[in-house]
Amino acid sequence: MIRQTLEHISGISIYPLISFVIFFVFFLVLLLYVFSMRKAKIEELSQLPLEDSLLNPKKGGYPNA
């Protein structure tokens, strides 16, 4: 039923192409962003989960729940 309904809408065939182009452009922008990041920023982000200040309220972080 859905297929028959969609077949009667004129210009519906362009939507899959638009979706693919949006996905591909987003993926390329994200890829360029990641490869253009500085090594210092990557190192900072890689250490983020290991920082103790988020778990220790005395250092300005959140207390354990």
Foldseek 3Di string as FASTA:
>chain_A
DVVVVLVPDPPSVCVVVVVVVVVVVVVVVVVVVVVPDDPVVVVVVVCVVVDCLQDDVVNPHDHDD
